[in-house]
Amino acid sequence: EVNSHPDIFKPNGFRLFNFLMKNH
């Protein structure tokens, strides 16, 4: 989860973006 989509995000980036997409 921390390293998901490394071609797009740096560590924890996808976690944060996905949380924003689901909740905000």
mmCIF file of all heavy atoms, coordinates in Angstrom:
data_MODEL
# 
_entry.id   MODEL 
# 
loop_
_atom_site.group_PDB 
_atom_site.id 
_atom_site.type_symbol 
_atom_site.label_atom_id 
_atom_site.label_alt_id 
_atom_site.label_comp_id 
_atom_site.label_asym_id 
_atom_site.label_entity_id 
_atom_site.label_seq_id 
_atom_site.pdbx_PDB_ins_code 
_atom_site.Cartn_x 
_atom_site.Cartn_y 
_atom_site.Cartn_z 
_atom_site.occupancy 
_atom_site.B_iso_or_equiv 
_atom_site.pdbx_formal_charge 
_atom_site.auth_seq_id 
_atom_site.auth_comp_id 
_atom_site.auth_asym_id 
_atom_site.auth_atom_id 
_atom_site.pdbx_PDB_model_num 
ATOM 1   N N   . GLU A 1 1  ? 0.829   -1.201 0.000   1.00 0.00 ? 1  GLU A N   1 
ATOM 2   C CA  . GLU A 1 1  ? 0.000   0.000  0.000   1.00 0.00 ? 1  GLU A CA  1 
ATOM 3   C C   . GLU A 1 1  ? 0.868   1.258  0.000   1.00 0.00 ? 1  GLU A C   1 
ATOM 4   O O   . GLU A 1 1  ? 0.594   2.220  -0.720  1.00 0.00 ? 1  GLU A O   1 
ATOM 5   C CB  . GLU A 1 1  ? -0.914  0.002  1.223   1.00 0.00 ? 1  GLU A CB  1 
ATOM 6   C CG  . GLU A 1 1  ? -1.918  1.142  1.227   1.00 0.00 ? 1  GLU A CG  1 
ATOM 7   C CD  . GLU A 1 1  ? -2.818  1.097  2.441   1.00 0.00 ? 1  GLU A CD  1 
ATOM 8   O OE1 . GLU A 1 1  ? -2.440  0.474  3.451   1.00 0.00 ? 1  GLU A OE1 1 
ATOM 9   O OE2 . GLU A 1 1  ? -3.894  1.709  2.385   1.00 0.00 ? 1  GLU A OE2 1 
ATOM 10  N N   . VAL A 1 2  ? 1.926   1.223  0.813   1.00 0.00 ? 2  VAL A N   1 
ATOM 11  C CA  . VAL A 1 2  ? 2.825   2.387  0.893   1.00 0.00 ? 2  VAL A CA  1 
ATOM 12  C C   . VAL A 1 2  ? 3.509   2.638  -0.440  1.00 0.00 ? 2  VAL A C   1 
ATOM 13  O O   . VAL A 1 2  ? 3.696   3.783  -0.866  1.00 0.00 ? 2  VAL A O   1 
ATOM 14  C CB  . VAL A 1 2  ? 3.871   2.178  2.010   1.00 0.00 ? 2  VAL A CB  1 
ATOM 15  C CG1 . VAL A 1 2  ? 4.992   3.211  1.904   1.00 0.00 ? 2  VAL A CG1 1 
ATOM 16  C CG2 . VAL A 1 2  ? 3.208   2.257  3.378   1.00 0.00 ? 2  VAL A CG2 1 
ATOM 17  N N   . ASN A 1 3  ? 3.873   1.569  -1.133  1.00 0.00 ? 3  ASN A N   1 
ATOM 18  C CA  . ASN A 1 3  ? 4.653   1.691  -2.366  1.00 0.00 ? 3  ASN A CA  1 
ATOM 19  C C   . ASN A 1 3  ? 3.841   1.424  -3.628  1.00 0.00 ? 3  ASN A C   1 
ATOM 20  O O   . ASN A 1 3  ? 4.394   1.097  -4.672  1.00 0.00 ? 3  ASN A O   1 
ATOM 21  C CB  . ASN A 1 3  ? 5.843   0.728  -2.308  1.00 0.00 ? 3  ASN A CB  1 
ATOM 22  C CG  . ASN A 1 3  ? 6.812   1.081  -1.191  1.00 0.00 ? 3  ASN A CG  1 
ATOM 23  O OD1 . ASN A 1 3  ? 7.655   1.951  -1.326  1.00 0.00 ? 3  ASN A OD1 1 
ATOM 24  N ND2 . ASN A 1 3  ? 6.674   0.401  -0.059  1.00 0.00 ? 3  ASN A ND2 1 
ATOM 25  N N   . SER A 1 4  ? 2.531   1.562  -3.513  1.00 0.00 ? 4  SER A N   1 
ATOM 26  C CA  . SER A 1 4  ? 1.676   1.286  -4.663  1.00 0.00 ? 4  SER A CA  1 
ATOM 27  C C   . SER A 1 4  ? 1.882   2.315  -5.767  1.00 0.00 ? 4  SER A C   1 
ATOM 28  O O   . SER A 1 4  ? 2.099   3.501  -5.504  1.00 0.00 ? 4  SER A O   1 
ATOM 29  C CB  . SER A 1 4  ? 0.212   1.295  -4.216  1.00 0.00 ? 4  SER A CB  1 
ATOM 30  O OG  . SER A 1 4  ? -0.640  0.973  -5.271  1.00 0.00 ? 4  SER A OG  1 
ATOM 31  N N   . HIS A 1 5  ? 1.825   1.845  -7.012  1.00 0.00 ? 5  HIS A N   1 
ATOM 32  C CA  . HIS A 1 5  ? 1.975   2.697  -8.199  1.00 0.00 ? 5  HIS A CA  1 
ATOM 33  C C   . HIS A 1 5  ? 3.245   3.554  -8.141  1.00 0.00 ? 5  HIS A C   1 
ATOM 34  O O   . HIS A 1 5  ? 3.182   4.786  -8.200  1.00 0.00 ? 5  HIS A O   1 
ATOM 35  C CB  . HIS A 1 5  ? 0.749   3.595  -8.374  1.00 0.00 ? 5  HIS A CB  1 
ATOM 36  C CG  . HIS A 1 5  ? -0.538  2.865  -8.502  1.00 0.00 ? 5  HIS A CG  1 
ATOM 37  N ND1 . HIS A 1 5  ? -0.901  2.204  -9.662  1.00 0.00 ? 5  HIS A ND1 1 
ATOM 38  C CD2 . HIS A 1 5  ? -1.557  2.667  -7.619  1.00 0.00 ? 5  HIS A CD2 1 
ATOM 39  C CE1 . HIS A 1 5  ? -2.090  1.644  -9.487  1.00 0.00 ? 5  HIS A CE1 1 
ATOM 40  N NE2 . HIS A 1 5  ? -2.501  1.905  -8.263  1.00 0.00 ? 5  HIS A NE2 1 
ATOM 41  N N   . PRO A 1 6  ? 4.397   2.926  -8.029  1.00 0.00 ? 6  PRO A N   1 
ATOM 42  C CA  . PRO A 1 6  ? 5.648   3.694  -7.893  1.00 0.00 ? 6  PRO A CA  1 
ATOM 43  C C   . PRO A 1 6  ? 5.984   4.548  -9.113  1.00 0.00 ? 6  PRO A C   1 
ATOM 44  O O   . PRO A 1 6  ? 6.795   5.470  -9.007  1.00 0.00 ? 6  PRO A O   1 
ATOM 45  C CB  . PRO A 1 6  ? 6.698   2.596  -7.674  1.00 0.00 ? 6  PRO A CB  1 
ATOM 46  C CG  . PRO A 1 6  ? 6.115   1.379  -8.299  1.00 0.00 ? 6  PRO A CG  1 
ATOM 47  C CD  . PRO A 1 6  ? 4.643   1.471  -8.057  1.00 0.00 ? 6  PRO A CD  1 
ATOM 48  N N   . ASP A 1 7  ? 5.384   4.231  -10.274 1.00 0.00 ? 7  ASP A N   1 
ATOM 49  C CA  . ASP A 1 7  ? 5.634   5.061  -11.461 1.00 0.00 ? 7  ASP A CA  1 
ATOM 50  C C   . ASP A 1 7  ? 4.879   6.380  -11.396 1.00 0.00 ? 7  ASP A C   1 
ATOM 51  O O   . ASP A 1 7  ? 5.164   7.311  -12.168 1.00 0.00 ? 7  ASP A O   1 
ATOM 52  C CB  . ASP A 1 7  ? 5.237   4.304  -12.726 1.00 0.00 ? 7  ASP A CB  1 
ATOM 53  C CG  . ASP A 1 7  ? 3.773   3.891  -12.716 1.00 0.00 ? 7  ASP A CG  1 
ATOM 54  O OD1 . ASP A 1 7  ? 3.273   3.530  -11.621 1.00 0.00 ? 7  ASP A OD1 1 
ATOM 55  O OD2 . ASP A 1 7  ? 3.124   3.948  -13.775 1.00 0.00 ? 7  ASP A OD2 1 
ATOM 56  N N   . ILE A 1 8  ? 3.910   6.472  -10.477 1.00 0.00 ? 8  ILE A N   1 
ATOM 57  C CA  . ILE A 1 8  ? 3.101   7.684  -10.337 1.00 0.00 ? 8  ILE A CA  1 
ATOM 58  C C   . ILE A 1 8  ? 3.425   8.429  -9.032  1.00 0.00 ? 8  ILE A C   1 
ATOM 59  O O   . ILE A 1 8  ? 3.595   9.655  -9.017  1.00 0.00 ? 8  ILE A O   1 
ATOM 60  C CB  . ILE A 1 8  ? 1.600   7.351  -10.350 1.00 0.00 ? 8  ILE A CB  1 
ATOM 61  C CG1 . ILE A 1 8  ? 1.232   6.549  -11.605 1.00 0.00 ? 8  ILE A CG1 1 
ATOM 62  C CG2 . ILE A 1 8  ? 0.756   8.616  -10.247 1.00 0.00 ? 8  ILE A CG2 1 
ATOM 63  C CD1 . ILE A 1 8  ? 1.376   7.320  -12.890 1.00 0.00 ? 8  ILE A CD1 1 
ATOM 64  N N   . PHE A 1 9  ? 3.507   7.639  -7.954  1.00 0.00 ? 9  PHE A N   1 
ATOM 65  C CA  . PHE A 1 9  ? 3.627   8.226  -6.620  1.00 0.00 ? 9  PHE A CA  1 
ATOM 66  C C   . PHE A 1 9  ? 4.949   7.859  -5.955  1.00 0.00 ? 9  PHE A C   1 
ATOM 67  O O   . PHE A 1 9  ? 5.528   6.813  -6.229  1.00 0.00 ? 9  PHE A O   1 
ATOM 68  C CB  . PHE A 1 9  ? 2.484   7.743  -5.716  1.00 0.00 ? 9  PHE A CB  1 
ATOM 69  C CG  . PHE A 1 9  ? 1.112   8.087  -6.206  1.00 0.00 ? 9  PHE A CG  1 
ATOM 70  C CD1 . PHE A 1 9  ? 0.388   7.182  -6.976  1.00 0.00 ? 9  PHE A CD1 1 
ATOM 71  C CD2 . PHE A 1 9  ? 0.525   9.299  -5.898  1.00 0.00 ? 9  PHE A CD2 1 
ATOM 72  C CE1 . PHE A 1 9  ? -0.889  7.483  -7.418  1.00 0.00 ? 9  PHE A CE1 1 
ATOM 73  C CE2 . PHE A 1 9  ? -0.756  9.608  -6.341  1.00 0.00 ? 9  PHE A CE2 1 
ATOM 74  C CZ  . PHE A 1 9  ? -1.464  8.703  -7.102  1.00 0.00 ? 9  PHE A CZ  1 
ATOM 75  N N   . LYS A 1 10 ? 5.327   8.679  -5.020  1.00 0.00 ? 10 LYS A N   1 
ATOM 76  C CA  . LYS A 1 10 ? 6.378   8.330  -4.082  1.00 0.00 ? 10 LYS A CA  1 
ATOM 77  C C   . LYS A 1 10 ? 5.723   7.605  -2.903  1.00 0.00 ? 10 LYS A C   1 
ATOM 78  O O   . LYS A 1 10 ? 4.489   7.577  -2.798  1.00 0.00 ? 10 LYS A O   1 
ATOM 79  C CB  . LYS A 1 10 ? 7.112   9.600  -3.637  1.00 0.00 ? 10 LYS A CB  1 
ATOM 80  C CG  . LYS A 1 10 ? 7.932   10.223 -4.769  1.00 0.00 ? 10 LYS A CG  1 
ATOM 81  C CD  . LYS A 1 10 ? 8.751   11.405 -4.282  1.00 0.00 ? 10 LYS A CD  1 
ATOM 82  C CE  . LYS A 1 10 ? 9.598   11.968 -5.426  1.00 0.00 ? 10 LYS A CE  1 
ATOM 83  N NZ  . LYS A 1 10 ? 10.419  13.136 -4.996  1.00 0.00 ? 10 LYS A NZ  1 
ATOM 84  N N   . PRO A 1 11 ? 6.512   6.979  -2.008  1.00 0.00 ? 11 PRO A N   1 
ATOM 85  C CA  . PRO A 1 11 ? 5.910   6.227  -0.895  1.00 0.00 ? 11 PRO A CA  1 
ATOM 86  C C   . PRO A 1 11 ? 4.828   7.021  -0.159  1.00 0.00 ? 11 PRO A C   1 
ATOM 87  O O   . PRO A 1 11 ? 5.011   8.193  0.165   1.00 0.00 ? 11 PRO A O   1 
ATOM 88  C CB  . PRO A 1 11 ? 7.112   5.926  0.005   1.00 0.00 ? 11 PRO A CB  1 
ATOM 89  C CG  . PRO A 1 11 ? 8.246   5.812  -0.955  1.00 0.00 ? 11 PRO A CG  1 
ATOM 90  C CD  . PRO A 1 11 ? 7.977   6.860  -2.002  1.00 0.00 ? 11 PRO A CD  1 
ATOM 91  N N   . ASN A 1 12 ? 3.729   6.353  0.077   1.00 0.00 ? 12 ASN A N   1 
ATOM 92  C CA  . ASN A 1 12 ? 2.542   6.881  0.755   1.00 0.00 ? 12 ASN A CA  1 
ATOM 93  C C   . ASN A 1 12 ? 1.712   7.826  -0.116  1.00 0.00 ? 12 ASN A C   1 
ATOM 94  O O   . ASN A 1 12 ? 0.628   8.262  0.302   1.00 0.00 ? 12 ASN A O   1 
ATOM 95  C CB  . ASN A 1 12 ? 2.899   7.595  2.067   1.00 0.00 ? 12 ASN A CB  1 
ATOM 96  C CG  . ASN A 1 12 ? 3.297   6.618  3.153   1.00 0.00 ? 12 ASN A CG  1 
ATOM 97  O OD1 . ASN A 1 12 ? 2.581   5.664  3.437   1.00 0.00 ? 12 ASN A OD1 1 
ATOM 98  N ND2 . ASN A 1 12 ? 4.458   6.840  3.754   1.00 0.00 ? 12 ASN A ND2 1 
ATOM 99  N N   . GLY A 1 13 ? 2.186   8.108  -1.303  1.00 0.00 ? 13 GLY A N   1 
ATOM 100 C CA  . GLY A 1 13 ? 1.446   9.013  -2.171  1.00 0.00 ? 13 GLY A CA  1 
ATOM 101 C C   . GLY A 1 13 ? 0.100   8.455  -2.587  1.00 0.00 ? 13 GLY A C   1 
ATOM 102 O O   . GLY A 1 13 ? -0.927  9.147  -2.512  1.00 0.00 ? 13 GLY A O   1 
ATOM 103 N N   . PHE A 1 14 ? 0.076   7.190  -3.014  1.00 0.00 ? 14 PHE A N   1 
ATOM 104 C CA  . PHE A 1 14 ? -1.197  6.606  -3.442  1.00 0.00 ? 14 PHE A CA  1 
ATOM 105 C C   . PHE A 1 14 ? -2.160  6.467  -2.267  1.00 0.00 ? 14 PHE A C   1 
ATOM 106 O O   . PHE A 1 14 ? -3.370  6.668  -2.420  1.00 0.00 ? 14 PHE A O   1 
ATOM 107 C CB  . PHE A 1 14 ? -0.977  5.249  -4.096  1.00 0.00 ? 14 PHE A CB  1 
ATOM 108 C CG  . PHE A 1 14 ? -2.265  4.571  -4.469  1.00 0.00 ? 14 PHE A CG  1 
ATOM 109 C CD1 . PHE A 1 14 ? -3.025  5.034  -5.534  1.00 0.00 ? 14 PHE A CD1 1 
ATOM 110 C CD2 . PHE A 1 14 ? -2.747  3.489  -3.738  1.00 0.00 ? 14 PHE A CD2 1 
ATOM 111 C CE1 . PHE A 1 14 ? -4.233  4.436  -5.871  1.00 0.00 ? 14 PHE A CE1 1 
ATOM 112 C CE2 . PHE A 1 14 ? -3.950  2.882  -4.072  1.00 0.00 ? 14 PHE A CE2 1 
ATOM 113 C CZ  . PHE A 1 14 ? -4.691  3.353  -5.143  1.00 0.00 ? 14 PHE A CZ  1 
ATOM 114 N N   . ARG A 1 15 ? -1.643  6.109  -1.099  1.00 0.00 ? 15 ARG A N   1 
ATOM 115 C CA  . ARG A 1 15 ? -2.502  6.007  0.089   1.00 0.00 ? 15 ARG A CA  1 
ATOM 116 C C   . ARG A 1 15 ? -3.240  7.319  0.330   1.00 0.00 ? 15 ARG A C   1 
ATOM 117 O O   . ARG A 1 15 ? -4.444  7.327  0.589   1.00 0.00 ? 15 ARG A O   1 
ATOM 118 C CB  . ARG A 1 15 ? -1.675  5.659  1.326   1.00 0.00 ? 15 ARG A CB  1 
ATOM 119 C CG  . ARG A 1 15 ? -1.128  4.248  1.376   1.00 0.00 ? 15 ARG A CG  1 
ATOM 120 C CD  . ARG A 1 15 ? -0.333  4.032  2.645   1.00 0.00 ? 15 ARG A CD  1 
ATOM 121 N NE  . ARG A 1 15 ? -1.179  4.178  3.821   1.00 0.00 ? 15 ARG A NE  1 
ATOM 122 C CZ  . ARG A 1 15 ? -0.793  4.742  4.977   1.00 0.00 ? 15 ARG A CZ  1 
ATOM 123 N NH1 . ARG A 1 15 ? 0.419   5.262  5.081   1.00 0.00 ? 15 ARG A NH1 1 
ATOM 124 N NH2 . ARG A 1 15 ? -1.615  4.814  5.989   1.00 0.00 ? 15 ARG A NH2 1 
ATOM 125 N N   . LEU A 1 16 ? -2.504  8.414  0.258   1.00 0.00 ? 16 LEU A N   1 
ATOM 126 C CA  . LEU A 1 16 ? -3.111  9.719  0.498   1.00 0.00 ? 16 LEU A CA  1 
ATOM 127 C C   . LEU A 1 16 ? -4.096  10.083 -0.610  1.00 0.00 ? 16 LEU A C   1 
ATOM 128 O O   . LEU A 1 16 ? -5.238  10.491 -0.332  1.00 0.00 ? 16 LEU A O   1 
ATOM 129 C CB  . LEU A 1 16 ? -2.027  10.784 0.604   1.00 0.00 ? 16 LEU A CB  1 
ATOM 130 C CG  . LEU A 1 16 ? -2.507  12.237 0.752   1.00 0.00 ? 16 LEU A CG  1 
ATOM 131 C CD1 . LEU A 1 16 ? -3.402  12.386 1.981   1.00 0.00 ? 16 LEU A CD1 1 
ATOM 132 C CD2 . LEU A 1 16 ? -1.312  13.189 0.820   1.00 0.00 ? 16 LEU A CD2 1 
ATOM 133 N N   . PHE A 1 17 ? -3.687  9.914  -1.851  1.00 0.00 ? 17 PHE A N   1 
ATOM 134 C CA  . PHE A 1 17 ? -4.555  10.299 -2.961  1.00 0.00 ? 17 PHE A CA  1 
ATOM 135 C C   . PHE A 1 17 ? -5.825  9.449  -2.975  1.00 0.00 ? 17 PHE A C   1 
ATOM 136 O O   . PHE A 1 17 ? -6.931  9.976  -3.182  1.00 0.00 ? 17 PHE A O   1 
ATOM 137 C CB  . PHE A 1 17 ? -3.820  10.150 -4.290  1.00 0.00 ? 17 PHE A CB  1 
ATOM 138 C CG  . PHE A 1 17 ? -4.621  10.608 -5.467  1.00 0.00 ? 17 PHE A CG  1 
ATOM 139 C CD1 . PHE A 1 17 ? -4.736  11.959 -5.766  1.00 0.00 ? 17 PHE A CD1 1 
ATOM 140 C CD2 . PHE A 1 17 ? -5.289  9.692  -6.282  1.00 0.00 ? 17 PHE A CD2 1 
ATOM 141 C CE1 . PHE A 1 17 ? -5.498  12.396 -6.853  1.00 0.00 ? 17 PHE A CE1 1 
ATOM 142 C CE2 . PHE A 1 17 ? -6.048  10.120 -7.359  1.00 0.00 ? 17 PHE A CE2 1 
ATOM 143 C CZ  . PHE A 1 17 ? -6.146  11.483 -7.645  1.00 0.00 ? 17 PHE A CZ  1 
ATOM 144 N N   . ASN A 1 18 ? -5.700  8.166  -2.738  1.00 0.00 ? 18 ASN A N   1 
ATOM 145 C CA  . ASN A 1 18 ? -6.870  7.284  -2.757  1.00 0.00 ? 18 ASN A CA  1 
ATOM 146 C C   . ASN A 1 18 ? -7.820  7.616  -1.609  1.00 0.00 ? 18 ASN A C   1 
ATOM 147 O O   . ASN A 1 18 ? -9.050  7.546  -1.762  1.00 0.00 ? 18 ASN A O   1 
ATOM 148 C CB  . ASN A 1 18 ? -6.416  5.825  -2.661  1.00 0.00 ? 18 ASN A CB  1 
ATOM 149 C CG  . ASN A 1 18 ? -7.508  4.851  -3.055  1.00 0.00 ? 18 ASN A CG  1 
ATOM 150 O OD1 . ASN A 1 18 ? -8.182  5.020  -4.058  1.00 0.00 ? 18 ASN A OD1 1 
ATOM 151 N ND2 . ASN A 1 18 ? -7.687  3.815  -2.246  1.00 0.00 ? 18 ASN A ND2 1 
ATOM 152 N N   . PHE A 1 19 ? -7.270  7.978  -0.461  1.00 0.00 ? 19 PHE A N   1 
ATOM 153 C CA  . PHE A 1 19 ? -8.101  8.382  0.675   1.00 0.00 ? 19 PHE A CA  1 
ATOM 154 C C   . PHE A 1 19 ? -8.876  9.656  0.320   1.00 0.00 ? 19 PHE A C   1 
ATOM 155 O O   . PHE A 1 19 ? -10.069 9.775  0.625   1.00 0.00 ? 19 PHE A O   1 
ATOM 156 C CB  . PHE A 1 19 ? -7.236  8.620  1.912   1.00 0.00 ? 19 PHE A CB  1 
ATOM 157 C CG  . PHE A 1 19 ? -8.023  8.880  3.163   1.00 0.00 ? 19 PHE A CG  1 
ATOM 158 C CD1 . PHE A 1 19 ? -8.393  7.837  3.989   1.00 0.00 ? 19 PHE A CD1 1 
ATOM 159 C CD2 . PHE A 1 19 ? -8.397  10.173 3.511   1.00 0.00 ? 19 PHE A CD2 1 
ATOM 160 C CE1 . PHE A 1 19 ? -9.129  8.073  5.156   1.00 0.00 ? 19 PHE A CE1 1 
ATOM 161 C CE2 . PHE A 1 19 ? -9.139  10.422 4.664   1.00 0.00 ? 19 PHE A CE2 1 
ATOM 162 C CZ  . PHE A 1 19 ? -9.501  9.371  5.487   1.00 0.00 ? 19 PHE A CZ  1 
ATOM 163 N N   . LEU A 1 20 ? -8.202  10.584 -0.316  1.00 0.00 ? 20 LEU A N   1 
ATOM 164 C CA  . LEU A 1 20 ? -8.863  11.823 -0.747  1.00 0.00 ? 20 LEU A CA  1 
ATOM 165 C C   . LEU A 1 20 ? -9.982  11.539 -1.748  1.00 0.00 ? 20 LEU A C   1 
ATOM 166 O O   . LEU A 1 20 ? -11.076 12.104 -1.656  1.00 0.00 ? 20 LEU A O   1 
ATOM 167 C CB  . LEU A 1 20 ? -7.831  12.759 -1.373  1.00 0.00 ? 20 LEU A CB  1 
ATOM 168 C CG  . LEU A 1 20 ? -6.858  13.448 -0.414  1.00 0.00 ? 20 LEU A CG  1 
ATOM 169 C CD1 . LEU A 1 20 ? -5.660  14.017 -1.174  1.00 0.00 ? 20 LEU A CD1 1 
ATOM 170 C CD2 . LEU A 1 20 ? -7.559  14.547 0.378   1.00 0.00 ? 20 LEU A CD2 1 
ATOM 171 N N   . MET A 1 21 ? -9.707  10.629 -2.673  1.00 0.00 ? 21 MET A N   1 
ATOM 172 C CA  . MET A 1 21 ? -10.705 10.302 -3.698  1.00 0.00 ? 21 MET A CA  1 
ATOM 173 C C   . MET A 1 21 ? -11.936 9.632  -3.081  1.00 0.00 ? 21 MET A C   1 
ATOM 174 O O   . MET A 1 21 ? -13.066 9.818  -3.549  1.00 0.00 ? 21 MET A O   1 
ATOM 175 C CB  . MET A 1 21 ? -10.091 9.401  -4.759  1.00 0.00 ? 21 MET A CB  1 
ATOM 176 C CG  . MET A 1 21 ? -9.015  10.066 -5.594  1.00 0.00 ? 21 MET A CG  1 
ATOM 177 S SD  . MET A 1 21 ? -9.664  11.388 -6.659  1.00 0.00 ? 21 MET A SD  1 
ATOM 178 C CE  . MET A 1 21 ? -10.459 10.426 -7.934  1.00 0.00 ? 21 MET A CE  1 
ATOM 179 N N   . LYS A 1 22 ? -11.726 8.835  -2.046  1.00 0.00 ? 22 LYS A N   1 
ATOM 180 C CA  . LYS A 1 22 ? -12.841 8.109  -1.440  1.00 0.00 ? 22 LYS A CA  1 
ATOM 181 C C   . LYS A 1 22 ? -13.620 8.951  -0.432  1.00 0.00 ? 22 LYS A C   1 
ATOM 182 O O   . LYS A 1 22 ? -14.801 8.686  -0.192  1.00 0.00 ? 22 LYS A O   1 
ATOM 183 C CB  . LYS A 1 22 ? -12.323 6.845  -0.744  1.00 0.00 ? 22 LYS A CB  1 
ATOM 184 C CG  . LYS A 1 22 ? -11.845 5.768  -1.707  1.00 0.00 ? 22 LYS A CG  1 
ATOM 185 C CD  . LYS A 1 22 ? -11.378 4.539  -0.947  1.00 0.00 ? 22 LYS A CD  1 
ATOM 186 C CE  . LYS A 1 22 ? -10.964 3.424  -1.905  1.00 0.00 ? 22 LYS A CE  1 
ATOM 187 N NZ  . LYS A 1 22 ? -10.486 2.227  -1.171  1.00 0.00 ? 22 LYS A NZ  1 
ATOM 188 N N   . ASN A 1 23 ? -12.965 9.950  0.151   1.00 0.00 ? 23 ASN A N   1 
ATOM 189 C CA  . ASN A 1 23 ? -13.593 10.660 1.263   1.00 0.00 ? 23 ASN A CA  1 
ATOM 190 C C   . ASN A 1 23 ? -13.803 12.162 1.049   1.00 0.00 ? 23 ASN A C   1 
ATOM 191 O O   . ASN A 1 23 ? -14.591 12.771 1.774   1.00 0.00 ? 23 ASN A O   1 
ATOM 192 C CB  . ASN A 1 23 ? -12.759 10.461 2.536   1.00 0.00 ? 23 ASN A CB  1 
ATOM 193 C CG  . ASN A 1 23 ? -12.670 9.015  2.961   1.00 0.00 ? 23 ASN A CG  1 
ATOM 194 O OD1 . ASN A 1 23 ? -13.579 8.483  3.572   1.00 0.00 ? 23 ASN A OD1 1 
ATOM 195 N ND2 . ASN A 1 23 ? -11.559 8.363  2.622   1.00 0.00 ? 23 ASN A ND2 1 
ATOM 196 N N   . HIS A 1 24 ? -13.101 12.739 0.086   1.00 0.00 ? 24 HIS A N   1 
ATOM 197 C CA  . HIS A 1 24 ? -13.182 14.196 -0.064  1.00 0.00 ? 24 HIS A CA  1 
ATOM 198 C C   . HIS A 1 24 ? -13.404 14.641 -1.509  1.00 0.00 ? 24 HIS A C   1 
ATOM 199 O O   . HIS A 1 24 ? -13.025 15.750 -1.876  1.00 0.00 ? 24 HIS A O   1 
ATOM 200 C CB  . HIS A 1 24 ? -11.909 14.847 0.482   1.00 0.00 ? 24 HIS A CB  1 
ATOM 201 C CG  . HIS A 1 24 ? -11.712 14.626 1.954   1.00 0.00 ? 24 HIS A CG  1 
ATOM 202 N ND1 . HIS A 1 24 ? -12.462 15.278 2.912   1.00 0.00 ? 24 HIS A ND1 1 
ATOM 203 C CD2 . HIS A 1 24 ? -10.856 13.802 2.621   1.00 0.00 ? 24 HIS A CD2 1 
ATOM 204 C CE1 . HIS A 1 24 ? -12.074 14.877 4.115   1.00 0.00 ? 24 HIS A CE1 1 
ATOM 205 N NE2 . HIS A 1 24 ? -11.102 13.986 3.967   1.00 0.00 ? 24 HIS A NE2 1 
# 
